[in-house]
PDB file of N, CA and C in Angstrom:
ATOM      1  N   MET A   1      -2.334   0.316  -0.624  1.00  0.00           N
ATOM      2  CA  MET A   1      -3.659   0.787  -0.896  1.00  0.00           C
ATOM      3  C   MET A   1      -4.469  -0.297  -1.560  1.00  0.00           C
ATOM      4  N   ALA A   2      -5.730  -0.374  -1.199  1.00  0.00           N
ATOM      5  CA  ALA A   2      -6.565  -1.444  -1.709  1.00  0.00           C
ATOM      6  C   ALA A   2      -7.145  -1.070  -3.063  1.00  0.00           C
ATOM      7  N   ASP A   3      -7.358  -2.075  -3.885  1.00  0.00           N
ATOM      8  CA  ASP A   3      -7.997  -1.882  -5.174  1.00  0.00           C
ATOM      9  C   ASP A   3      -9.481  -2.090  -5.035  1.00  0.00           C
ATOM     10  N   ASP A   4     -10.270  -1.317  -5.814  1.00  0.00           N
ATOM     11  CA  ASP A   4     -11.708  -1.552  -5.797  1.00  0.00           C
ATOM     12  C   ASP A   4     -12.046  -2.622  -6.811  1.00  0.00           C
ATOM     13  N   ASP A   5     -13.329  -2.790  -7.120  1.00  0.00           N
ATOM     14  CA  ASP A   5     -13.766  -3.870  -8.007  1.00  0.00           C
ATOM     15  C   ASP A   5     -13.235  -3.739  -9.429  1.00  0.00           C
ATOM     16  N   HIS A   6     -12.825  -2.551  -9.833  1.00  0.00           N
ATOM     17  CA  HIS A   6     -12.382  -2.339 -11.207  1.00  0.00           C
ATOM     18  C   HIS A   6     -10.864  -2.285 -11.333  1.00  0.00           C
ATOM     19  N   GLY A   7     -10.142  -2.588 -10.279  1.00  0.00           N
ATOM     20  CA  GLY A   7      -8.689  -2.606 -10.337  1.00  0.00           C
ATOM     21  C   GLY A   7      -8.050  -1.229 -10.291  1.00  0.00           C
ATOM     22  N   VAL A   8      -8.814  -0.190  -9.920  1.00  0.00           N
ATOM     23  CA  VAL A   8      -8.291   1.165  -9.841  1.00  0.00           C
ATOM     24  C   VAL A   8      -7.965   1.448  -8.385  1.00  0.00           C
ATOM     25  N   SER A   9      -6.729   1.852  -8.119  1.00  0.00           N
ATOM     26  CA  SER A   9      -6.319   2.090  -6.738  1.00  0.00           C
ATOM     27  C   SER A   9      -6.844   3.435  -6.251  1.00  0.00           C
ATOM     28  N   ALA A  10      -6.925   3.569  -4.946  1.00  0.00           N
ATOM     29  CA  ALA A  10      -7.372   4.825  -4.336  1.00  0.00           C
ATOM     30  C   ALA A  10      -6.406   5.950  -4.697  1.00  0.00           C
ATOM     31  N   GLY A  11      -5.121   5.633  -4.769  1.00  0.00           N
ATOM     32  CA  GLY A  11      -4.125   6.636  -5.141  1.00  0.00           C
ATOM     33  C   GLY A  11      -4.363   7.185  -6.542  1.00  0.00           C
ATOM     34  N   ALA A  12      -4.702   6.301  -7.471  1.00  0.00           N
ATOM     35  CA  ALA A  12      -4.966   6.734  -8.843  1.00  0.00           C
ATOM     36  C   ALA A  12      -6.192   7.637  -8.893  1.00  0.00           C
ATOM     37  N   ILE A  13      -7.191   7.328  -8.083  1.00  0.00           N
ATOM     38  CA  ILE A  13      -8.400   8.148  -8.050  1.00  0.00           C
ATOM     39  C   ILE A  13      -8.077   9.535  -7.508  1.00  0.00           C
ATOM     40  N   ILE A  14      -7.272   9.593  -6.453  1.00  0.00           N
ATOM     41  CA  ILE A  14      -6.910  10.882  -5.865  1.00  0.00           C
ATOM     42  C   ILE A  14      -6.088  11.712  -6.856  1.00  0.00           C
ATOM     43  N   VAL A  15      -5.118  11.072  -7.507  1.00  0.00           N
ATOM     44  CA  VAL A  15      -4.297  11.783  -8.484  1.00  0.00           C
ATOM     45  C   VAL A  15      -5.161  12.296  -9.632  1.00  0.00           C
ATOM     46  N   ALA A  16      -6.090  11.473 -10.102  1.00  0.00           N
ATOM     47  CA  ALA A  16      -6.982  11.892 -11.187  1.00  0.00           C
ATOM     48  C   ALA A  16      -7.847  13.069 -10.741  1.00  0.00           C
ATOM     49  N   PHE A  17      -8.354  13.005  -9.518  1.00  0.00           N
ATOM     50  CA  PHE A  17      -9.180  14.092  -9.001  1.00  0.00           C
ATOM     51  C   PHE A  17      -8.384  15.387  -8.922  1.00  0.00           C
ATOM     52  N   LEU A  18      -7.186  15.310  -8.335  1.00  0.00           N
ATOM     53  CA  LEU A  18      -6.360  16.515  -8.209  1.00  0.00           C
ATOM     54  C   LEU A  18      -5.968  17.062  -9.585  1.00  0.00           C
ATOM     55  N   GLY A  19      -5.656  16.165 -10.496  1.00  0.00           N
ATOM     56  CA  GLY A  19      -5.312  16.611 -11.844  1.00  0.00           C
ATOM     57  C   GLY A  19      -6.483  17.288 -12.526  1.00  0.00           C
ATOM     58  N   GLY A  20      -7.667  16.707 -12.392  1.00  0.00           N
ATOM     59  CA  GLY A  20      -8.872  17.302 -12.990  1.00  0.00           C
ATOM     60  C   GLY A  20      -9.202  18.638 -12.369  1.00  0.00           C
ATOM     61  N   ALA A  21      -9.071  18.728 -11.054  1.00  0.00           N
ATOM     62  CA  ALA A  21      -9.347  19.993 -10.370  1.00  0.00           C
ATOM     63  C   ALA A  21      -8.373  21.075 -10.828  1.00  0.00           C
ATOM     64  N   THR A  22      -7.115  20.689 -10.973  1.00  0.00           N
ATOM     65  CA  THR A  22      -6.107  21.653 -11.419  1.00  0.00           C
ATOM     66  C   THR A  22      -6.384  22.118 -12.842  1.00  0.00           C
ATOM     67  N   LEU A  23      -6.688  21.181 -13.727  1.00  0.00           N
ATOM     68  CA  LEU A  23      -6.987  21.556 -15.110  1.00  0.00           C
ATOM     69  C   LEU A  23      -8.231  22.439 -15.195  1.00  0.00           C
ATOM     70  N   GLY A  24      -9.228  22.137 -14.388  1.00  0.00           N
ATOM     71  CA  GLY A  24     -10.436  22.969 -14.364  1.00  0.00           C
ATOM     72  C   GLY A  24     -10.131  24.375 -13.888  1.00  0.00           C
ATOM     73  N   ALA A  25      -9.309  24.483 -12.861  1.00  0.00           N
ATOM     74  CA  ALA A  25      -8.945  25.803 -12.347  1.00  0.00           C
ATOM     75  C   ALA A  25      -8.153  26.592 -13.389  1.00  0.00           C
ATOM     76  N   VAL A  26      -7.231  25.926 -14.059  1.00  0.00           N
ATOM     77  CA  VAL A  26      -6.428  26.594 -15.098  1.00  0.00           C
ATOM     78  C   VAL A  26      -7.335  27.071 -16.225  1.00  0.00           C
ATOM     79  N   ALA A  27      -8.242  26.225 -16.667  1.00  0.00           N
ATOM     80  CA  ALA A  27      -9.153  26.615 -17.741  1.00  0.00           C
ATOM     81  C   ALA A  27     -10.012  27.799 -17.317  1.00  0.00           C
ATOM     82  N   ALA A  28     -10.521  27.783 -16.094  1.00  0.00           N
ATOM     83  CA  ALA A  28     -11.348  28.887 -15.615  1.00  0.00           C
ATOM     84  C   ALA A  28     -10.552  30.191 -15.586  1.00  0.00           C
ATOM     85  N   LEU A  29      -9.304  30.100 -15.149  1.00  0.00           N
ATOM     86  CA  LEU A  29      -8.481  31.312 -15.091  1.00  0.00           C
ATOM     87  C   LEU A  29      -8.152  31.852 -16.473  1.00  0.00           C
ATOM     88  N   LEU A  30      -7.877  30.933 -17.395  1.00  0.00           N
ATOM     89  CA  LEU A  30      -7.524  31.374 -18.741  1.00  0.00           C
ATOM     90  C   LEU A  30      -8.709  32.005 -19.466  1.00  0.00           C
ATOM     91  N   LEU A  31      -9.901  31.586 -19.105  1.00  0.00           N
ATOM     92  CA  LEU A  31     -11.098  32.114 -19.765  1.00  0.00           C
ATOM     93  C   LEU A  31     -11.697  33.304 -19.007  1.00  0.00           C
ATOM     94  N   ALA A  32     -11.204  33.596 -17.831  1.00  0.00           N
ATOM     95  CA  ALA A  32     -11.740  34.693 -17.023  1.00  0.00           C
ATOM     96  C   ALA A  32     -11.263  36.040 -17.557  1.00  0.00           C
ATOM     97  N   PRO A  33     -12.134  37.057 -17.498  1.00  0.00           N
ATOM     98  CA  PRO A  33     -11.757  38.401 -17.984  1.00  0.00           C
ATOM     99  C   PRO A  33     -10.984  39.177 -16.905  1.00  0.00           C
ATOM    100  N   GLN A  34      -9.685  38.963 -16.845  1.00  0.00           N
ATOM    101  CA  GLN A  34      -8.837  39.692 -15.898  1.00  0.00           C
ATOM    102  C   GLN A  34      -7.468  39.881 -16.535  1.00  0.00           C
ATOM    103  N   PRO A  35      -6.663  40.765 -15.972  1.00  0.00           N
ATOM    104  CA  PRO A  35      -5.327  40.998 -16.536  1.00  0.00           C
ATOM    105  C   PRO A  35      -4.448  39.742 -16.455  1.00  0.00           C
ATOM    106  N   GLY A  36      -3.540  39.601 -17.369  1.00  0.00           N
ATOM    107  CA  GLY A  36      -2.641  38.450 -17.432  1.00  0.00           C
ATOM    108  C   GLY A  36      -1.787  38.285 -16.190  1.00  0.00           C
ATOM    109  N   SER A  37      -1.379  39.395 -15.574  1.00  0.00           N
ATOM    110  CA  SER A  37      -0.537  39.299 -14.378  1.00  0.00           C
ATOM    111  C   SER A  37      -1.311  38.660 -13.228  1.00  0.00           C
ATOM    112  N   GLU A  38      -2.584  39.000 -13.089  1.00  0.00           N
ATOM    113  CA  GLU A  38      -3.414  38.374 -12.043  1.00  0.00           C
ATOM    114  C   GLU A  38      -3.591  36.887 -12.325  1.00  0.00           C
ATOM    115  N   THR A  39      -3.818  36.570 -13.585  1.00  0.00           N
ATOM    116  CA  THR A  39      -4.013  35.173 -13.971  1.00  0.00           C
ATOM    117  C   THR A  39      -2.756  34.360 -13.673  1.00  0.00           C
ATOM    118  N   ARG A  40      -1.582  34.900 -14.026  1.00  0.00           N
ATOM    119  CA  ARG A  40      -0.335  34.188 -13.765  1.00  0.00           C
ATOM    120  C   ARG A  40      -0.121  33.979 -12.265  1.00  0.00           C
ATOM    121  N   GLU A  41      -0.440  34.998 -11.479  1.00  0.00           N
ATOM    122  CA  GLU A  41      -0.275  34.872 -10.023  1.00  0.00           C
ATOM    123  C   GLU A  41      -1.222  33.809  -9.465  1.00  0.00           C
ATOM    124  N   GLN A  42      -2.451  33.795  -9.938  1.00  0.00           N
ATOM    125  CA  GLN A  42      -3.393  32.764  -9.484  1.00  0.00           C
ATOM    126  C   GLN A  42      -2.920  31.375  -9.903  1.00  0.00           C
ATOM    127  N   LEU A  43      -2.398  31.238 -11.107  1.00  0.00           N
ATOM    128  CA  LEU A  43      -1.887  29.953 -11.571  1.00  0.00           C
ATOM    129  C   LEU A  43      -0.726  29.485 -10.699  1.00  0.00           C
ATOM    130  N   ARG A  44       0.168  30.423 -10.328  1.00  0.00           N
ATOM    131  CA  ARG A  44       1.276  30.061  -9.431  1.00  0.00           C
ATOM    132  C   ARG A  44       0.739  29.559  -8.089  1.00  0.00           C
ATOM    133  N   GLY A  45      -0.276  30.234  -7.583  1.00  0.00           N
ATOM    134  CA  GLY A  45      -0.876  29.814  -6.314  1.00  0.00           C
ATOM    135  C   GLY A  45      -1.465  28.416  -6.405  1.00  0.00           C
ATOM    136  N   TYR A  46      -2.190  28.150  -7.487  1.00  0.00           N
ATOM    137  CA  TYR A  46      -2.755  26.804  -7.689  1.00  0.00           C
ATOM    138  C   TYR A  46      -1.650  25.764  -7.813  1.00  0.00           C
ATOM    139  N   ALA A  47      -0.602  26.117  -8.530  1.00  0.00           N
ATOM    140  CA  ALA A  47       0.507  25.174  -8.710  1.00  0.00           C
ATOM    141  C   ALA A  47       1.175  24.864  -7.376  1.00  0.00           C
ATOM    142  N   ARG A  48       1.376  25.899  -6.541  1.00  0.00           N
ATOM    143  CA  ARG A  48       1.991  25.662  -5.227  1.00  0.00           C
ATOM    144  C   ARG A  48       1.103  24.768  -4.355  1.00  0.00           C
ATOM    145  N   ARG A  49      -0.190  25.076  -4.341  1.00  0.00           N
ATOM    146  CA  ARG A  49      -1.096  24.257  -3.525  1.00  0.00           C
ATOM    147  C   ARG A  49      -1.155  22.822  -4.028  1.00  0.00           C
ATOM    148  N   THR A  50      -1.193  22.655  -5.328  1.00  0.00           N
ATOM    149  CA  THR A  50      -1.225  21.307  -5.893  1.00  0.00           C
ATOM    150  C   THR A  50       0.056  20.558  -5.562  1.00  0.00           C
ATOM    151  N   GLU A  51       1.185  21.249  -5.648  1.00  0.00           N
ATOM    152  CA  GLU A  51       2.458  20.619  -5.295  1.00  0.00           C
ATOM    153  C   GLU A  51       2.450  20.181  -3.831  1.00  0.00           C
ATOM    154  N   GLU A  52       1.959  21.041  -2.943  1.00  0.00           N
ATOM    155  CA  GLU A  52       1.883  20.697  -1.522  1.00  0.00           C
ATOM    156  C   GLU A  52       0.966  19.497  -1.301  1.00  0.00           C
ATOM    157  N   GLN A  53      -0.174  19.492  -1.982  1.00  0.00           N
ATOM    158  CA  GLN A  53      -1.121  18.383  -1.840  1.00  0.00           C
ATOM    159  C   GLN A  53      -0.509  17.073  -2.336  1.00  0.00           C
ATOM    160  N   MET A  54       0.214  17.144  -3.442  1.00  0.00           N
ATOM    161  CA  MET A  54       0.843  15.939  -3.981  1.00  0.00           C
ATOM    162  C   MET A  54       1.949  15.445  -3.049  1.00  0.00           C
ATOM    163  N   ARG A  55       2.699  16.350  -2.444  1.00  0.00           N
ATOM    164  CA  ARG A  55       3.737  15.945  -1.488  1.00  0.00           C
ATOM    165  C   ARG A  55       3.103  15.288  -0.263  1.00  0.00           C
ATOM    166  N   ASP A  56       2.005  15.887   0.234  1.00  0.00           N
ATOM    167  CA  ASP A  56       1.296  15.292   1.370  1.00  0.00           C
ATOM    168  C   ASP A  56       0.788  13.903   1.017  1.00  0.00           C
ATOM    169  N   PHE A  57       0.229  13.785  -0.179  1.00  0.00           N
ATOM    170  CA  PHE A  57      -0.278  12.492  -0.634  1.00  0.00           C
ATOM    171  C   PHE A  57       0.854  11.469  -0.728  1.00  0.00           C
ATOM    172  N   ALA A  58       1.976  11.877  -1.299  1.00  0.00           N
ATOM    173  CA  ALA A  58       3.116  10.965  -1.438  1.00  0.00           C
ATOM    174  C   ALA A  58       3.647  10.550  -0.069  1.00  0.00           C
ATOM    175  N   GLU A  59       3.670  11.489   0.865  1.00  0.00           N
ATOM    176  CA  GLU A  59       4.140  11.177   2.217  1.00  0.00           C
ATOM    177  C   GLU A  59       3.195  10.169   2.888  1.00  0.00           C
ATOM    178  N   LYS A  60       1.908  10.413   2.771  1.00  0.00           N
ATOM    179  CA  LYS A  60       0.931   9.490   3.372  1.00  0.00           C
ATOM    180  C   LYS A  60       1.002   8.117   2.703  1.00  0.00           C
ATOM    181  N   ALA A  61       1.184   8.105   1.389  1.00  0.00           N
ATOM    182  CA  ALA A  61       1.300   6.826   0.676  1.00  0.00           C
ATOM    183  C   ALA A  61       2.544   6.077   1.136  1.00  0.00           C
ATOM    184  N   GLY A  62       3.641   6.791   1.336  1.00  0.00           N
ATOM    185  CA  GLY A  62       4.869   6.166   1.823  1.00  0.00           C
ATOM    186  C   GLY A  62       4.692   5.589   3.215  1.00  0.00           C
ATOM    187  N   GLU A  63       4.014   6.345   4.085  1.00  0.00           N
ATOM    188  CA  GLU A  63       3.759   5.859   5.443  1.00  0.00           C
ATOM    189  C   GLU A  63       2.880   4.605   5.407  1.00  0.00           C
ATOM    190  N   THR A  64       1.856   4.637   4.567  1.00  0.00           N
ATOM    191  CA  THR A  64       0.969   3.479   4.440  1.00  0.00           C
ATOM    192  C   THR A  64       1.738   2.273   3.918  1.00  0.00           C
ATOM    193  N   PHE A  65       2.607   2.497   2.941  1.00  0.00           N
ATOM    194  CA  PHE A  65       3.424   1.412   2.400  1.00  0.00           C
ATOM    195  C   PHE A  65       4.323   0.823   3.480  1.00  0.00           C
ATOM    196  N   ASP A  66       4.965   1.696   4.254  1.00  0.00           N
ATOM    197  CA  ASP A  66       5.850   1.225   5.329  1.00  0.00           C
ATOM    198  C   ASP A  66       5.075   0.397   6.353  1.00  0.00           C
ATOM    199  N   LYS A  67       3.896   0.869   6.734  1.00  0.00           N
ATOM    200  CA  LYS A  67       3.068   0.128   7.693  1.00  0.00           C
ATOM    201  C   LYS A  67       2.669  -1.235   7.124  1.00  0.00           C
ATOM    202  N   THR A  68       2.332  -1.256   5.850  1.00  0.00           N
ATOM    203  CA  THR A  68       1.936  -2.506   5.202  1.00  0.00           C
ATOM    204  C   THR A  68       3.098  -3.487   5.166  1.00  0.00           C
ATOM    205  N   VAL A  69       4.289  -2.999   4.889  1.00  0.00           N
ATOM    206  CA  VAL A  69       5.472  -3.869   4.861  1.00  0.00           C
ATOM    207  C   VAL A  69       5.710  -4.467   6.244  1.00  0.00           C
ATOM    208  N   VAL A  70       5.611  -3.641   7.288  1.00  0.00           N
ATOM    209  CA  VAL A  70       5.826  -4.130   8.648  1.00  0.00           C
ATOM    210  C   VAL A  70       4.775  -5.186   9.007  1.00  0.00           C
ATOM    211  N   LYS A  71       3.511  -4.897   8.682  1.00  0.00           N
ATOM    212  CA  LYS A  71       2.440  -5.866   8.974  1.00  0.00           C
ATOM    213  C   LYS A  71       2.656  -7.161   8.198  1.00  0.00           C
ATOM    214  N   SER A  72       3.091  -7.050   6.952  1.00  0.00           N
ATOM    215  CA  SER A  72       3.338  -8.241   6.140  1.00  0.00           C
ATOM    216  C   SER A  72       4.462  -9.075   6.722  1.00  0.00           C
ATOM    217  N   ARG A  73       5.521  -8.424   7.157  1.00  0.00           N
ATOM    218  CA  ARG A  73       6.642  -9.145   7.775  1.00  0.00           C
ATOM    219  C   ARG A  73       6.191  -9.863   9.038  1.00  0.00           C
ATOM    220  N   ASP A  74       5.405  -9.169   9.860  1.00  0.00           N
ATOM    221  CA  ASP A  74       4.895  -9.786  11.085  1.00  0.00           C
ATOM    222  C   ASP A  74       4.013 -10.987  10.766  1.00  0.00           C
ATOM    223  N   PHE A  75       3.176 -10.842   9.745  1.00  0.00           N
ATOM    224  CA  PHE A  75       2.288 -11.935   9.341  1.00  0.00           C
ATOM    225  C   PHE A  75       3.102 -13.144   8.879  1.00  0.00           C
ATOM    226  N   VAL A  76       4.080 -12.897   8.027  1.00  0.00           N
ATOM    227  CA  VAL A  76       4.917 -13.988   7.521  1.00  0.00           C
ATOM    228  C   VAL A  76       5.675 -14.641   8.667  1.00  0.00           C
ATOM    229  N   LYS A  77       6.196 -13.818   9.567  1.00  0.00           N
ATOM    230  CA  LYS A  77       6.942 -14.353  10.702  1.00  0.00           C
ATOM    231  C   LYS A  77       6.039 -15.238  11.568  1.00  0.00           C
ATOM    232  N   SER A  78       4.807 -14.800  11.817  1.00  0.00           N
ATOM    233  CA  SER A  78       3.901 -15.596  12.650  1.00  0.00           C
ATOM    234  C   SER A  78       3.528 -16.905  11.952  1.00  0.00           C
ATOM    235  N   LYS A  79       3.291 -16.856  10.664  1.00  0.00           N
ATOM    236  CA  LYS A  79       2.935 -18.079   9.924  1.00  0.00           C
ATOM    237  C   LYS A  79       4.136 -19.011   9.834  1.00  0.00           C
ATOM    238  N   LYS A  80       5.307 -18.444   9.697  1.00  0.00           N
ATOM    239  CA  LYS A  80       6.524 -19.256   9.648  1.00  0.00           C
ATOM    240  C   LYS A  80       6.709 -19.987  10.974  1.00  0.00           C
ATOM    241  N   SER A  81       6.436 -19.301  12.066  1.00  0.00           N
ATOM    242  CA  SER A  81       6.540 -19.910  13.386  1.00  0.00           C
ATOM    243  C   SER A  81       5.531 -21.047  13.536  1.00  0.00           C
ATOM    244  N   VAL A  82       4.308 -20.824  13.099  1.00  0.00           N
ATOM    245  CA  VAL A  82       3.265 -21.858  13.194  1.00  0.00           C
ATOM    246  C   VAL A  82       3.650 -23.065  12.346  1.00  0.00           C
ATOM    247  N   LEU A  83       4.118 -22.810  11.141  1.00  0.00           N
ATOM    248  CA  LEU A  83       4.523 -23.914  10.271  1.00  0.00           C
ATOM    249  C   LEU A  83       5.714 -24.667  10.853  1.00  0.00           C
ATOM    250  N   GLY A  84       6.650 -23.956  11.438  1.00  0.00           N
ATOM    251  CA  GLY A  84       7.808 -24.602  12.071  1.00  0.00           C
ATOM    252  C   GLY A  84       7.380 -25.507  13.213  1.00  0.00           C
ATOM    253  N   GLU A  85       6.440 -25.020  14.026  1.00  0.00           N
ATOM    254  CA  GLU A  85       5.937 -25.837  15.130  1.00  0.00           C
ATOM    255  C   GLU A  85       5.211 -27.079  14.606  1.00  0.00           C
ATOM    256  N   ALA A  86       4.404 -26.907  13.563  1.00  0.00           N
ATOM    257  CA  ALA A  86       3.688 -28.048  12.986  1.00  0.00           C
ATOM    258  C   ALA A  86       4.670 -29.061  12.402  1.00  0.00           C
ATOM    259  N   PHE A  87       5.684 -28.584  11.729  1.00  0.00           N
ATOM    260  CA  PHE A  87       6.694 -29.467  11.148  1.00  0.00           C
ATOM    261  C   PHE A  87       7.415 -30.248  12.244  1.00  0.00           C
ATOM    262  N   GLU A  88       7.784 -29.548  13.303  1.00  0.00           N
ATOM    263  CA  GLU A  88       8.484 -30.207  14.414  1.00  0.00           C
ATOM    264  C   GLU A  88       7.588 -31.231  15.102  1.00  0.00           C
ATOM    265  N   THR A  89       6.322 -30.930  15.255  1.00  0.00           N
ATOM    266  CA  THR A  89       5.372 -31.878  15.844  1.00  0.00           C
ATOM    267  C   THR A  89       5.254 -33.124  14.966  1.00  0.00           C
ATOM    268  N   GLY A  90       5.180 -32.920  13.660  1.00  0.00           N
ATOM    269  CA  GLY A  90       5.119 -34.050  12.732  1.00  0.00           C
ATOM    270  C   GLY A  90       6.380 -34.892  12.780  1.00  0.00           C
ATOM    271  N   ARG A  91       7.507 -34.234  12.870  1.00  0.00           N
ATOM    272  CA  ARG A  91       8.784 -34.939  12.947  1.00  0.00           C
ATOM    273  C   ARG A  91       8.843 -35.791  14.226  1.00  0.00           C
ATOM    274  N   GLU A  92       8.394 -35.221  15.334  1.00  0.00           N
ATOM    275  CA  GLU A  92       8.395 -35.951  16.603  1.00  0.00           C
ATOM    276  C   GLU A  92       7.445 -37.151  16.537  1.00  0.00           C
ATOM    277  N   ALA A  93       6.274 -36.969  15.922  1.00  0.00           N
ATOM    278  CA  ALA A  93       5.327 -38.076  15.776  1.00  0.00           C
ATOM    279  C   ALA A  93       5.943 -39.187  14.925  1.00  0.00           C
ATOM    280  N   MET A  94       6.659 -38.807  13.872  1.00  0.00           N
ATOM    281  CA  MET A  94       7.312 -39.793  13.018  1.00  0.00           C
ATOM    282  C   MET A  94       8.377 -40.568  13.799  1.00  0.00           C
ATOM    283  N   ARG A  95       9.124 -39.884  14.631  1.00  0.00           N
ATOM    284  CA  ARG A  95      10.139 -40.562  15.456  1.00  0.00           C
ATOM    285  C   ARG A  95       9.486 -41.573  16.407  1.00  0.00           C
ATOM    286  N   ARG A  96       8.383 -41.153  17.031  1.00  0.00           N
ATOM    287  CA  ARG A  96       7.691 -42.059  17.954  1.00  0.00           C
ATOM    288  C   ARG A  96       7.185 -43.301  17.227  1.00  0.00           C
ATOM    289  N   GLU A  97       6.596 -43.086  16.050  1.00  0.00           N
ATOM    290  CA  GLU A  97       6.069 -44.224  15.292  1.00  0.00           C
ATOM    291  C   GLU A  97       7.197 -45.128  14.806  1.00  0.00           C
ATOM    292  N   ARG A  98       8.297 -44.549  14.381  1.00  0.00           N
ATOM    293  CA  ARG A  98       9.440 -45.351  13.945  1.00  0.00           C
ATOM    294  C   ARG A  98       9.965 -46.186  15.104  1.00  0.00           C
ATOM    295  N   LYS A  99      10.073 -45.561  16.286  1.00  0.00           N
ATOM    296  CA  LYS A  99      10.543 -46.269  17.467  1.00  0.00           C
ATOM    297  C   LYS A  99       9.571 -47.395  17.820  1.00  0.00           C
ATOM    298  N   ARG A 100       8.256 -47.092  17.750  1.00  0.00           N
ATOM    299  CA  ARG A 100       7.251 -48.106  18.052  1.00  0.00           C
ATOM    300  C   ARG A 100       7.320 -49.251  17.042  1.00  0.00           C
ATOM    301  N   PHE A 101       7.483 -48.919  15.778  1.00  0.00           N
ATOM    302  CA  PHE A 101       7.541 -49.933  14.727  1.00  0.00           C
ATOM    303  C   PHE A 101       8.769 -50.820  14.893  1.00  0.00           C
ATOM    304  N   THR A 102       9.931 -50.209  15.180  1.00  0.00           N
ATOM    305  CA  THR A 102      11.155 -51.011  15.342  1.00  0.00           C
ATOM    306  C   THR A 102      11.070 -51.887  16.595  1.00  0.00           C
ATOM    307  N   SER A 103      10.400 -51.405  17.628  1.00  0.00           N
ATOM    308  CA  SER A 103      10.273 -52.232  18.825  1.00  0.00           C
ATOM    309  C   SER A 103       9.295 -53.381  18.585  1.00  0.00           C
ATOM    310  N   GLU A 104       8.261 -53.200  17.770  1.00  0.00           N
ATOM    311  CA  GLU A 104       7.304 -54.249  17.462  1.00  0.00           C
ATOM    312  C   GLU A 104       7.935 -55.321  16.573  1.00  0.00           C
ATOM    313  N   THR A 105       8.759 -54.905  15.631  1.00  0.00           N
ATOM    314  CA  THR A 105       9.370 -55.858  14.701  1.00  0.00           C
ATOM    315  C   THR A 105      10.479 -56.656  15.356  1.00  0.00           C
ATOM    316  N   SER A 106      11.112 -56.118  16.380  1.00  0.00           N
ATOM    317  CA  SER A 106      12.189 -56.848  17.022  1.00  0.00           C
ATOM    318  C   SER A 106      11.661 -57.826  18.073  1.00  0.00           C
ATOM    319  N   GLU A 107      10.403 -57.771  18.401  1.00  0.00           N
ATOM    320  CA  GLU A 107       9.829 -58.690  19.412  1.00  0.00           C
ATOM    321  C   GLU A 107       9.438 -59.987  18.824  1.00  0.00           C
TER     322      GLU A 107
END
């Protein structure tokens, strides 16, 4: 996940939002004029939904992490290949120049 200008990740923002929404719902229920049994049942419902949302979020975050790892590996592999080719080209050029230099000095 990418960081914004303040170093706060999108995941942290989502968790903060869900936490704030849950706390707001709990406060509203506790202050509402209804029987305690109804309030407890509503709180259980909010807790279940929040748990489901957090599991979905964690699953999506895991998938995103896995995709990022695969892309990073591919990127490193491609750059490693390019660097290997450049190194080999340089090595071959050095061999040619060494051969040319030794042939010039022996003449």
